[in-house]
Amino acid sequence: MPNEPLTIEDIAGQDKTRLLKLSGPLTISNLFDFQSRVRTNTVERLILDFTNVPYVDSAGIGAMVGAHVTHSKDGRSLALVGVNQRVRAALGVTRVEQFFKFYDSREEAQATRT
């Protein structure tokens, strides 16, 4: 379980949007590709699709907070799509849930401008 892979599909979107579709857990053993893609993102709006992410560990939460900070300080937005109850609970327990904007679908996230 701790060495489960994380795959990331990187999809260039329309209207200054980029989508990263994650599949697998976001954990200390596999988050470096995620961090690299988030840090090098320069588009106005980044959407992270968590539909196929079963859980995150504390390092994964740290990487998510880092993504939020990076995008906020540069005036760009970050949206989370398809976050399940387990991941949402982890974000709540660590008191970082309020940093993120959650959407049920990619279409909803793309249609909403913040």
N, C-alpha and C. Protein backbone atom coordinates (compact mmCIF):
# COMPACT_ATOMS: atom_id res chain seq x y z
N MET A 1 0.81 -1.21 0.00
CA MET A 1 0.00 0.00 0.00
C MET A 1 0.85 1.27 0.00
N PRO A 2 1.95 1.37 0.77
CA PRO A 2 2.70 2.60 0.80
C PRO A 2 3.42 2.93 -0.51
N ASN A 3 3.68 1.95 -1.36
CA ASN A 3 4.40 2.20 -2.60
C ASN A 3 3.50 2.18 -3.82
N GLU A 4 2.22 2.42 -3.65
CA GLU A 4 1.32 2.46 -4.78
C GLU A 4 1.71 3.62 -5.68
N PRO A 5 1.65 3.41 -6.99
CA PRO A 5 2.05 4.48 -7.91
C PRO A 5 0.98 5.57 -8.04
N LEU A 6 1.45 6.72 -8.41
CA LEU A 6 0.58 7.85 -8.75
C LEU A 6 0.85 8.17 -10.21
N THR A 7 -0.19 8.15 -11.03
CA THR A 7 -0.03 8.57 -12.41
C THR A 7 -0.73 9.92 -12.58
N ILE A 8 -0.15 10.74 -13.43
CA ILE A 8 -0.69 12.08 -13.65
C ILE A 8 -0.85 12.29 -15.15
N GLU A 9 -2.08 12.55 -15.54
CA GLU A 9 -2.37 12.90 -16.92
C GLU A 9 -2.43 14.42 -16.97
N ASP A 10 -1.58 15.01 -17.78
CA ASP A 10 -1.45 16.46 -17.88
C ASP A 10 -2.16 16.92 -19.14
N ILE A 11 -3.26 17.67 -18.97
CA ILE A 11 -4.10 18.06 -20.08
C ILE A 11 -4.15 19.58 -20.18
N ALA A 12 -3.67 20.08 -21.30
CA ALA A 12 -3.75 21.53 -21.54
C ALA A 12 -5.20 21.85 -21.88
N GLY A 13 -5.74 22.83 -21.20
CA GLY A 13 -7.13 23.20 -21.40
C GLY A 13 -7.28 24.46 -22.22
N GLN A 14 -8.51 24.89 -22.30
CA GLN A 14 -8.81 26.14 -23.00
C GLN A 14 -8.91 27.26 -21.98
N ASP A 15 -8.89 28.47 -22.45
CA ASP A 15 -9.07 29.64 -21.59
C ASP A 15 -8.08 29.69 -20.44
N LYS A 16 -6.80 29.49 -20.74
CA LYS A 16 -5.74 29.62 -19.73
C LYS A 16 -5.93 28.63 -18.58
N THR A 17 -6.35 27.41 -18.90
CA THR A 17 -6.60 26.37 -17.91
C THR A 17 -5.73 25.16 -18.20
N ARG A 18 -5.28 24.52 -17.13
CA ARG A 18 -4.52 23.27 -17.23
C ARG A 18 -5.15 22.29 -16.26
N LEU A 19 -5.24 21.04 -16.67
CA LEU A 19 -5.84 19.99 -15.83
C LEU A 19 -4.80 18.93 -15.55
N LEU A 20 -4.64 18.59 -14.27
CA LEU A 20 -3.84 17.45 -13.87
C LEU A 20 -4.79 16.41 -13.30
N LYS A 21 -4.89 15.27 -14.00
CA LYS A 21 -5.78 14.20 -13.57
C LYS A 21 -4.93 13.14 -12.87
N LEU A 22 -5.12 13.02 -11.56
CA LEU A 22 -4.32 12.12 -10.75
C LEU A 22 -5.04 10.78 -10.58
N SER A 23 -4.25 9.70 -10.59
CA SER A 23 -4.78 8.36 -10.33
C SER A 23 -3.83 7.66 -9.39
N GLY A 24 -4.33 7.32 -8.20
CA GLY A 24 -3.52 6.69 -7.17
C GLY A 24 -3.39 7.62 -5.98
N PRO A 25 -2.84 7.11 -4.88
CA PRO A 25 -2.70 7.94 -3.68
C PRO A 25 -1.59 8.97 -3.86
N LEU A 26 -1.75 10.11 -3.20
CA LEU A 26 -0.72 11.15 -3.19
C LEU A 26 0.02 11.02 -1.86
N THR A 27 1.22 10.43 -1.91
CA THR A 27 1.97 10.13 -0.70
C THR A 27 3.43 10.53 -0.84
N ILE A 28 4.15 10.45 0.26
CA ILE A 28 5.57 10.83 0.27
C ILE A 28 6.37 10.03 -0.75
N SER A 29 5.97 8.80 -1.03
CA SER A 29 6.76 7.96 -1.94
C SER A 29 6.54 8.29 -3.41
N ASN A 30 5.54 9.13 -3.72
CA ASN A 30 5.28 9.36 -5.14
C ASN A 30 4.90 10.81 -5.49
N LEU A 31 5.12 11.75 -4.59
CA LEU A 31 4.62 13.11 -4.84
C LEU A 31 5.55 14.03 -5.61
N PHE A 32 6.75 13.59 -5.92
CA PHE A 32 7.72 14.49 -6.53
C PHE A 32 7.32 14.93 -7.94
N ASP A 33 6.74 14.04 -8.73
CA ASP A 33 6.27 14.42 -10.06
C ASP A 33 5.14 15.44 -9.93
N PHE A 34 4.24 15.22 -8.98
CA PHE A 34 3.15 16.15 -8.74
C PHE A 34 3.71 17.54 -8.39
N GLN A 35 4.63 17.59 -7.45
CA GLN A 35 5.22 18.87 -7.05
C GLN A 35 5.90 19.57 -8.22
N SER A 36 6.61 18.82 -9.02
CA SER A 36 7.31 19.40 -10.16
C SER A 36 6.33 20.00 -11.17
N ARG A 37 5.27 19.29 -11.46
CA ARG A 37 4.28 19.80 -12.42
C ARG A 37 3.57 21.04 -11.89
N VAL A 38 3.26 21.04 -10.61
CA VAL A 38 2.58 22.20 -10.01
C VAL A 38 3.51 23.41 -9.99
N ARG A 39 4.76 23.21 -9.63
CA ARG A 39 5.71 24.33 -9.54
C ARG A 39 6.02 24.95 -10.90
N THR A 40 5.98 24.13 -11.94
CA THR A 40 6.29 24.65 -13.27
C THR A 40 5.06 25.16 -14.01
N ASN A 41 3.91 25.04 -13.39
CA ASN A 41 2.69 25.52 -14.03
C ASN A 41 2.70 27.04 -14.11
N THR A 42 2.37 27.57 -15.29
CA THR A 42 2.33 29.01 -15.46
C THR A 42 0.97 29.51 -15.95
N VAL A 43 0.04 28.60 -16.18
CA VAL A 43 -1.27 29.04 -16.66
C VAL A 43 -2.06 29.65 -15.50
N GLU A 44 -3.07 30.41 -15.87
CA GLU A 44 -3.87 31.17 -14.90
C GLU A 44 -4.66 30.28 -13.94
N ARG A 45 -5.15 29.15 -14.43
CA ARG A 45 -6.03 28.31 -13.62
C ARG A 45 -5.60 26.85 -13.72
N LEU A 46 -5.33 26.25 -12.57
CA LEU A 46 -4.95 24.84 -12.50
C LEU A 46 -6.08 24.07 -11.83
N ILE A 47 -6.52 23.01 -12.50
CA ILE A 47 -7.55 22.13 -11.95
C ILE A 47 -6.91 20.79 -11.64
N LEU A 48 -7.04 20.36 -10.40
CA LEU A 48 -6.53 19.05 -9.98
C LEU A 48 -7.71 18.10 -9.85
N ASP A 49 -7.73 17.07 -10.69
CA ASP A 49 -8.81 16.09 -10.66
C ASP A 49 -8.42 14.95 -9.73
N PHE A 50 -9.08 14.88 -8.57
CA PHE A 50 -8.80 13.89 -7.54
C PHE A 50 -9.79 12.72 -7.57
N THR A 51 -10.56 12.59 -8.64
CA THR A 51 -11.58 11.55 -8.72
C THR A 51 -11.02 10.16 -8.44
N ASN A 52 -9.81 9.89 -8.89
CA ASN A 52 -9.20 8.56 -8.73
C ASN A 52 -8.08 8.55 -7.69
N VAL A 53 -8.16 9.47 -6.73
CA VAL A 53 -7.19 9.50 -5.63
C VAL A 53 -7.88 8.96 -4.38
N PRO A 54 -7.52 7.75 -3.94
CA PRO A 54 -8.21 7.15 -2.80
C PRO A 54 -7.85 7.77 -1.45
N TYR A 55 -6.60 8.25 -1.31
CA TYR A 55 -6.18 8.86 -0.05
C TYR A 55 -4.92 9.68 -0.25
N VAL A 56 -4.64 10.54 0.72
CA VAL A 56 -3.40 11.32 0.76
C VAL A 56 -2.80 11.17 2.16
N ASP A 57 -1.48 11.23 2.24
CA ASP A 57 -0.85 11.23 3.56
C ASP A 57 -0.44 12.67 3.89
N SER A 58 0.24 12.85 5.00
CA SER A 58 0.58 14.21 5.43
C SER A 58 1.51 14.90 4.43
N ALA A 59 2.39 14.16 3.80
CA ALA A 59 3.27 14.76 2.79
C ALA A 59 2.46 15.19 1.57
N GLY A 60 1.48 14.39 1.20
CA GLY A 60 0.59 14.75 0.10
C GLY A 60 -0.20 16.01 0.41
N ILE A 61 -0.67 16.12 1.64
CA ILE A 61 -1.38 17.32 2.06
C ILE A 61 -0.44 18.53 2.00
N GLY A 62 0.80 18.33 2.44
CA GLY A 62 1.79 19.40 2.35
C GLY A 62 2.02 19.85 0.92
N ALA A 63 2.07 18.90 -0.01
CA ALA A 63 2.25 19.23 -1.42
C ALA A 63 1.04 20.00 -1.96
N MET A 64 -0.15 19.63 -1.50
CA MET A 64 -1.36 20.35 -1.92
C MET A 64 -1.36 21.78 -1.39
N VAL A 65 -0.96 21.95 -0.14
CA VAL A 65 -0.88 23.29 0.45
C VAL A 65 0.18 24.11 -0.29
N GLY A 66 1.29 23.49 -0.62
CA GLY A 66 2.32 24.17 -1.40
C GLY A 66 1.79 24.64 -2.74
N ALA A 67 0.97 23.81 -3.39
CA ALA A 67 0.36 24.19 -4.66
C ALA A 67 -0.55 25.40 -4.47
N HIS A 68 -1.32 25.38 -3.40
CA HIS A 68 -2.20 26.52 -3.09
C HIS A 68 -1.39 27.80 -2.89
N VAL A 69 -0.35 27.72 -2.10
CA VAL A 69 0.46 28.90 -1.79
C VAL A 69 1.11 29.44 -3.06
N THR A 70 1.70 28.56 -3.86
CA THR A 70 2.36 28.97 -5.10
C THR A 70 1.39 29.70 -6.02
N HIS A 71 0.20 29.15 -6.18
CA HIS A 71 -0.76 29.76 -7.10
C HIS A 71 -1.36 31.04 -6.52
N SER A 72 -1.63 31.06 -5.25
CA SER A 72 -2.21 32.26 -4.63
C SER A 72 -1.27 33.45 -4.70
N LYS A 73 -0.01 33.23 -4.38
CA LYS A 73 0.93 34.36 -4.35
C LYS A 73 1.18 34.93 -5.74
N ASP A 74 0.95 34.13 -6.76
CA ASP A 74 1.13 34.60 -8.14
C ASP A 74 -0.17 35.06 -8.78
N GLY A 75 -1.26 35.11 -7.99
CA GLY A 75 -2.54 35.58 -8.50
C GLY A 75 -3.23 34.58 -9.42
N ARG A 76 -2.85 33.31 -9.32
CA ARG A 76 -3.48 32.27 -10.13
C ARG A 76 -4.41 31.45 -9.24
N SER A 77 -5.31 30.69 -9.86
CA SER A 77 -6.27 29.93 -9.05
C SER A 77 -6.02 28.43 -9.16
N LEU A 78 -6.47 27.74 -8.13
CA LEU A 78 -6.33 26.30 -8.01
C LEU A 78 -7.70 25.73 -7.64
N ALA A 79 -8.14 24.72 -8.35
CA ALA A 79 -9.44 24.11 -8.08
C ALA A 79 -9.26 22.60 -7.91
N LEU A 80 -10.00 22.02 -6.98
CA LEU A 80 -9.97 20.57 -6.76
C LEU A 80 -11.30 19.97 -7.22
N VAL A 81 -11.22 18.88 -7.96
CA VAL A 81 -12.40 18.22 -8.50
C VAL A 81 -12.44 16.77 -8.01
N GLY A 82 -13.63 16.30 -7.65
CA GLY A 82 -13.83 14.89 -7.34
C GLY A 82 -13.14 14.40 -6.08
N VAL A 83 -12.98 15.25 -5.10
CA VAL A 83 -12.31 14.86 -3.86
C VAL A 83 -13.26 13.99 -3.02
N ASN A 84 -12.81 12.79 -2.67
CA ASN A 84 -13.66 11.89 -1.89
C ASN A 84 -13.66 12.26 -0.41
N GLN A 85 -14.54 11.61 0.33
CA GLN A 85 -14.70 11.92 1.76
C GLN A 85 -13.44 11.66 2.57
N ARG A 86 -12.69 10.62 2.22
CA ARG A 86 -11.47 10.29 2.96
C ARG A 86 -10.43 11.40 2.82
N VAL A 87 -10.22 11.88 1.60
CA VAL A 87 -9.26 12.95 1.37
C VAL A 87 -9.76 14.24 2.01
N ARG A 88 -11.04 14.50 1.85
CA ARG A 88 -11.63 15.73 2.43
C ARG A 88 -11.51 15.71 3.95
N ALA A 89 -11.72 14.56 4.56
CA ALA A 89 -11.58 14.45 6.02
C ALA A 89 -10.14 14.71 6.45
N ALA A 90 -9.18 14.19 5.69
CA ALA A 90 -7.76 14.43 6.01
C ALA A 90 -7.44 15.92 5.93
N LEU A 91 -7.99 16.60 4.93
CA LEU A 91 -7.78 18.04 4.82
C LEU A 91 -8.45 18.78 5.98
N GLY A 92 -9.60 18.28 6.42
CA GLY A 92 -10.31 18.89 7.54
C GLY A 92 -9.57 18.71 8.86
N VAL A 93 -9.09 17.51 9.10
CA VAL A 93 -8.37 17.20 10.35
C VAL A 93 -7.11 18.05 10.47
N THR A 94 -6.46 18.29 9.34
CA THR A 94 -5.23 19.09 9.35
C THR A 94 -5.51 20.59 9.23
N ARG A 95 -6.78 20.93 9.18
CA ARG A 95 -7.24 22.33 9.17
C ARG A 95 -6.74 23.14 7.97
N VAL A 96 -6.68 22.47 6.81
CA VAL A 96 -6.28 23.18 5.60
C VAL A 96 -7.39 23.17 4.54
N GLU A 97 -8.50 22.56 4.86
CA GLU A 97 -9.60 22.45 3.91
C GLU A 97 -10.05 23.81 3.37
N GLN A 98 -10.03 24.83 4.22
CA GLN A 98 -10.51 26.16 3.82
C GLN A 98 -9.63 26.82 2.76
N PHE A 99 -8.44 26.30 2.51
CA PHE A 99 -7.57 26.87 1.49
C PHE A 99 -8.01 26.54 0.07
N PHE A 100 -8.85 25.51 -0.06
CA PHE A 100 -9.16 24.97 -1.37
C PHE A 100 -10.59 25.24 -1.80
N LYS A 101 -10.77 25.31 -3.12
CA LYS A 101 -12.09 25.41 -3.73
C LYS A 101 -12.41 24.05 -4.33
N PHE A 102 -13.54 23.48 -3.93
CA PHE A 102 -13.94 22.14 -4.34
C PHE A 102 -15.07 22.19 -5.35
N TYR A 103 -15.01 21.31 -6.35
CA TYR A 103 -16.04 21.22 -7.38
C TYR A 103 -16.36 19.75 -7.62
N ASP A 104 -17.60 19.50 -8.04
CA ASP A 104 -18.02 18.12 -8.29
C ASP A 104 -17.54 17.59 -9.63
N SER A 105 -17.33 18.49 -10.60
CA SER A 105 -16.93 18.05 -11.93
C SER A 105 -15.93 19.02 -12.54
N ARG A 106 -15.20 18.54 -13.54
CA ARG A 106 -14.27 19.40 -14.26
C ARG A 106 -15.00 20.54 -14.95
N GLU A 107 -16.16 20.21 -15.50
CA GLU A 107 -16.95 21.23 -16.20
C GLU A 107 -17.35 22.36 -15.26
N GLU A 108 -17.75 22.01 -14.05
CA GLU A 108 -18.12 23.02 -13.06
C GLU A 108 -16.90 23.87 -12.69
N ALA A 109 -15.77 23.24 -12.50
CA ALA A 109 -14.55 23.98 -12.15
C ALA A 109 -14.13 24.90 -13.29
N GLN A 110 -14.25 24.44 -14.51
CA GLN A 110 -13.87 25.25 -15.66
C GLN A 110 -14.81 26.42 -15.85
N ALA A 111 -16.08 26.23 -15.54
CA ALA A 111 -17.10 27.28 -15.74
C ALA A 111 -17.02 28.35 -14.67
N THR A 112 -16.48 28.02 -13.51
CA THR A 112 -16.41 28.97 -12.39
C THR A 112 -15.11 29.72 -12.43
N ARG A 113 -15.18 31.00 -12.39
CA ARG A 113 -13.98 31.85 -12.38
C ARG A 113 -13.81 32.46 -11.00
N THR A 114 -12.64 32.21 -10.41
CA THR A 114 -12.34 32.82 -9.11
C THR A 114 -10.97 33.42 -9.11
